[in-house]
């Protein structure tokens, strides 16, 4: 869905709890989400997290996960890999 939006020149924005959660934020970033809306209470925490992340690594990680046939604990994998 994100790729289809980008192909049409439409940016993808996500607001809500998933964007406010560090693991959710990383997953969304990895699938190409462009903009995030989050609760004011977590903005400072996310500002500290963002400079520590490498978007290319996250995108590659998510691409590999999405290609797998087996079920994985994505929350745990992201936490162990990036946090």
N, C-alpha and C. Protein backbone atom coordinates (compact mmCIF):
# COMPACT_ATOMS: atom_id res chain seq x y z
N UNK A 1 0.82 -1.18 0.00
CA UNK A 1 0.00 0.00 0.00
C UNK A 1 0.87 1.26 0.00
N UNK A 2 1.92 1.26 0.81
CA UNK A 2 2.81 2.42 0.87
C UNK A 2 3.48 2.64 -0.48
N UNK A 3 3.94 1.56 -1.09
CA UNK A 3 4.58 1.68 -2.41
C UNK A 3 3.61 2.22 -3.45
N UNK A 4 2.37 1.77 -3.41
CA UNK A 4 1.36 2.26 -4.35
C UNK A 4 1.14 3.76 -4.18
N UNK A 5 1.07 4.20 -2.94
CA UNK A 5 0.89 5.63 -2.67
C UNK A 5 2.08 6.42 -3.20
N UNK A 6 3.28 5.93 -2.92
CA UNK A 6 4.48 6.62 -3.40
C UNK A 6 4.54 6.65 -4.92
N UNK A 7 4.16 5.54 -5.56
CA UNK A 7 4.15 5.50 -7.03
C UNK A 7 3.20 6.55 -7.60
N UNK A 8 2.14 6.87 -6.86
CA UNK A 8 1.17 7.88 -7.29
C UNK A 8 1.55 9.28 -6.82
N UNK A 9 2.71 9.40 -6.17
CA UNK A 9 3.15 10.71 -5.69
C UNK A 9 2.47 11.16 -4.42
N UNK A 10 1.91 10.23 -3.69
CA UNK A 10 1.18 10.55 -2.46
C UNK A 10 2.03 10.17 -1.25
N UNK A 11 2.32 11.13 -0.37
CA UNK A 11 3.05 10.77 0.85
C UNK A 11 2.15 9.98 1.80
N UNK A 12 2.76 9.13 2.60
CA UNK A 12 2.02 8.30 3.54
C UNK A 12 2.27 8.82 4.95
N UNK A 13 1.19 9.11 5.65
CA UNK A 13 1.27 9.66 7.01
C UNK A 13 0.52 8.73 7.95
N UNK A 14 1.06 8.52 9.14
CA UNK A 14 0.40 7.70 10.15
C UNK A 14 0.35 8.48 11.45
N UNK A 15 -0.83 8.55 12.03
CA UNK A 15 -1.01 9.18 13.33
C UNK A 15 -1.59 8.14 14.28
N UNK A 16 -1.21 8.23 15.53
CA UNK A 16 -1.82 7.35 16.51
C UNK A 16 -0.81 6.62 17.36
N UNK A 17 -1.31 5.61 18.05
CA UNK A 17 -0.51 4.89 19.03
C UNK A 17 0.69 4.18 18.41
N UNK A 18 0.51 3.59 17.25
CA UNK A 18 1.64 2.87 16.65
C UNK A 18 2.79 3.81 16.33
N UNK A 19 2.47 5.00 15.84
CA UNK A 19 3.51 5.98 15.55
C UNK A 19 4.15 6.53 16.81
N UNK A 20 3.47 6.41 17.94
CA UNK A 20 3.97 6.90 19.22
C UNK A 20 4.82 5.87 19.96
N UNK A 21 4.82 4.65 19.47
CA UNK A 21 5.57 3.56 20.08
C UNK A 21 6.89 3.39 19.34
N UNK A 22 8.04 3.37 20.02
CA UNK A 22 9.32 3.25 19.31
C UNK A 22 9.39 2.05 18.37
N UNK A 23 8.91 0.90 18.79
CA UNK A 23 8.94 -0.28 17.92
C UNK A 23 8.02 -0.08 16.73
N UNK A 24 6.83 0.43 16.96
CA UNK A 24 5.89 0.71 15.87
C UNK A 24 6.44 1.74 14.92
N UNK A 25 7.05 2.78 15.46
CA UNK A 25 7.66 3.83 14.64
C UNK A 25 8.71 3.23 13.71
N UNK A 26 9.57 2.38 14.25
CA UNK A 26 10.64 1.77 13.45
C UNK A 26 10.04 0.89 12.36
N UNK A 27 9.01 0.11 12.68
CA UNK A 27 8.37 -0.74 11.67
C UNK A 27 7.77 0.11 10.55
N UNK A 28 7.06 1.17 10.94
CA UNK A 28 6.45 2.05 9.94
C UNK A 28 7.50 2.76 9.08
N UNK A 29 8.57 3.20 9.70
CA UNK A 29 9.66 3.83 8.96
C UNK A 29 10.24 2.84 7.95
N UNK A 30 10.37 1.59 8.38
CA UNK A 30 10.94 0.56 7.52
C UNK A 30 10.10 0.19 6.32
N UNK A 31 8.80 0.44 6.39
CA UNK A 31 7.95 0.14 5.22
C UNK A 31 7.71 1.39 4.37
N UNK A 32 8.34 2.51 4.77
CA UNK A 32 8.31 3.68 3.92
C UNK A 32 7.38 4.80 4.31
N UNK A 33 6.80 4.75 5.51
CA UNK A 33 5.92 5.83 5.94
C UNK A 33 6.74 7.13 5.99
N UNK A 34 6.15 8.20 5.50
CA UNK A 34 6.86 9.48 5.36
C UNK A 34 6.71 10.42 6.55
N UNK A 35 5.53 10.45 7.15
CA UNK A 35 5.27 11.39 8.23
C UNK A 35 4.54 10.68 9.36
N UNK A 36 4.79 11.17 10.57
CA UNK A 36 4.22 10.54 11.76
C UNK A 36 3.56 11.58 12.63
N UNK A 37 2.41 11.24 13.16
CA UNK A 37 1.75 12.06 14.16
C UNK A 37 1.72 11.26 15.46
N UNK A 38 2.09 11.90 16.55
CA UNK A 38 2.16 11.16 17.81
C UNK A 38 1.73 12.01 18.98
N UNK A 39 1.50 11.35 20.10
CA UNK A 39 1.10 12.05 21.32
C UNK A 39 2.21 13.00 21.74
N UNK A 40 1.85 14.19 22.19
CA UNK A 40 2.87 15.16 22.63
C UNK A 40 3.79 14.60 23.71
N UNK A 41 3.29 13.72 24.54
CA UNK A 41 4.09 13.19 25.64
C UNK A 41 5.28 12.35 25.17
N UNK A 42 5.26 11.85 23.94
CA UNK A 42 6.36 11.00 23.46
C UNK A 42 7.28 11.70 22.46
N UNK A 43 6.97 12.91 22.11
CA UNK A 43 7.76 13.60 21.08
C UNK A 43 9.22 13.72 21.47
N UNK A 44 9.51 14.11 22.69
CA UNK A 44 10.91 14.26 23.10
C UNK A 44 11.65 12.93 23.06
N UNK A 45 11.00 11.87 23.51
CA UNK A 45 11.61 10.54 23.45
C UNK A 45 11.92 10.15 22.01
N UNK A 46 11.01 10.45 21.09
CA UNK A 46 11.22 10.11 19.69
C UNK A 46 12.32 10.98 19.08
N UNK A 47 12.40 12.23 19.50
CA UNK A 47 13.48 13.11 19.01
C UNK A 47 14.85 12.57 19.39
N UNK A 48 14.93 11.93 20.53
CA UNK A 48 16.19 11.33 20.97
C UNK A 48 16.48 10.03 20.21
N UNK A 49 15.43 9.29 19.88
CA UNK A 49 15.59 8.02 19.17
C UNK A 49 15.99 8.20 17.72
N UNK A 50 15.35 9.12 17.04
CA UNK A 50 15.51 9.26 15.58
C UNK A 50 16.96 9.39 15.13
N UNK A 51 17.80 10.21 15.76
CA UNK A 51 19.18 10.32 15.28
C UNK A 51 20.00 9.03 15.44
N UNK A 52 19.53 8.10 16.25
CA UNK A 52 20.26 6.85 16.45
C UNK A 52 19.91 5.80 15.40
N UNK A 53 18.91 6.09 14.57
CA UNK A 53 18.43 5.12 13.59
C UNK A 53 19.03 5.34 12.22
N UNK A 54 19.22 4.25 11.48
CA UNK A 54 19.69 4.30 10.11
C UNK A 54 18.55 3.80 9.22
N UNK A 55 17.94 4.71 8.48
CA UNK A 55 16.75 4.36 7.69
C UNK A 55 17.04 3.26 6.68
N UNK A 56 18.19 3.28 6.07
CA UNK A 56 18.55 2.24 5.10
C UNK A 56 18.59 0.86 5.75
N UNK A 57 19.18 0.77 6.94
CA UNK A 57 19.23 -0.50 7.65
C UNK A 57 17.83 -0.98 8.03
N UNK A 58 17.00 -0.05 8.48
CA UNK A 58 15.65 -0.40 8.89
C UNK A 58 14.82 -0.85 7.68
N UNK A 59 14.96 -0.15 6.57
CA UNK A 59 14.24 -0.52 5.35
C UNK A 59 14.64 -1.91 4.88
N UNK A 60 15.94 -2.19 4.87
CA UNK A 60 16.42 -3.52 4.48
C UNK A 60 15.92 -4.60 5.43
N UNK A 61 15.96 -4.31 6.72
CA UNK A 61 15.47 -5.24 7.74
C UNK A 61 14.01 -5.58 7.50
N UNK A 62 13.18 -4.55 7.33
CA UNK A 62 11.75 -4.78 7.12
C UNK A 62 11.48 -5.51 5.80
N UNK A 63 12.24 -5.19 4.78
CA UNK A 63 12.08 -5.87 3.49
C UNK A 63 12.35 -7.37 3.65
N UNK A 64 13.41 -7.71 4.38
CA UNK A 64 13.73 -9.12 4.62
C UNK A 64 12.65 -9.81 5.44
N UNK A 65 12.14 -9.13 6.45
CA UNK A 65 11.09 -9.71 7.29
C UNK A 65 9.83 -9.98 6.46
N UNK A 66 9.46 -9.03 5.62
CA UNK A 66 8.23 -9.18 4.84
C UNK A 66 8.33 -10.27 3.77
N UNK A 67 9.54 -10.65 3.40
CA UNK A 67 9.74 -11.72 2.41
C UNK A 67 9.66 -13.11 3.03
N UNK A 68 9.75 -13.19 4.33
CA UNK A 68 9.77 -14.50 5.01
C UNK A 68 8.41 -15.17 4.95
N UNK A 69 8.45 -16.49 4.84
CA UNK A 69 7.23 -17.28 4.85
C UNK A 69 6.77 -17.63 6.26
N UNK A 70 7.69 -17.59 7.19
CA UNK A 70 7.35 -17.99 8.56
C UNK A 70 6.91 -16.80 9.40
N UNK A 71 6.17 -17.08 10.43
CA UNK A 71 5.69 -16.05 11.34
C UNK A 71 6.84 -15.68 12.29
N UNK A 72 7.02 -14.38 12.51
CA UNK A 72 8.07 -13.91 13.41
C UNK A 72 7.47 -12.95 14.43
N UNK A 73 8.17 -12.79 15.54
CA UNK A 73 7.77 -11.81 16.54
C UNK A 73 8.46 -10.50 16.18
N UNK A 74 7.78 -9.70 15.37
CA UNK A 74 8.37 -8.47 14.85
C UNK A 74 8.75 -7.51 15.97
N UNK A 75 7.89 -7.38 16.95
CA UNK A 75 8.18 -6.48 18.08
C UNK A 75 9.50 -6.87 18.75
N UNK A 76 9.68 -8.14 18.99
CA UNK A 76 10.90 -8.60 19.65
C UNK A 76 12.12 -8.40 18.76
N UNK A 77 11.99 -8.71 17.47
CA UNK A 77 13.12 -8.55 16.55
C UNK A 77 13.55 -7.10 16.43
N UNK A 78 12.60 -6.19 16.32
CA UNK A 78 12.94 -4.76 16.24
C UNK A 78 13.59 -4.30 17.52
N UNK A 79 13.04 -4.72 18.64
CA UNK A 79 13.60 -4.33 19.94
C UNK A 79 15.04 -4.81 20.07
N UNK A 80 15.30 -6.05 19.73
CA UNK A 80 16.66 -6.59 19.84
C UNK A 80 17.63 -5.98 18.83
N UNK A 81 17.14 -5.63 17.67
CA UNK A 81 18.01 -5.14 16.60
C UNK A 81 18.29 -3.64 16.68
N UNK A 82 17.29 -2.85 17.05
CA UNK A 82 17.43 -1.40 16.94
C UNK A 82 17.32 -0.63 18.25
N UNK A 83 16.84 -1.24 19.32
CA UNK A 83 16.64 -0.47 20.56
C UNK A 83 17.55 -0.95 21.67
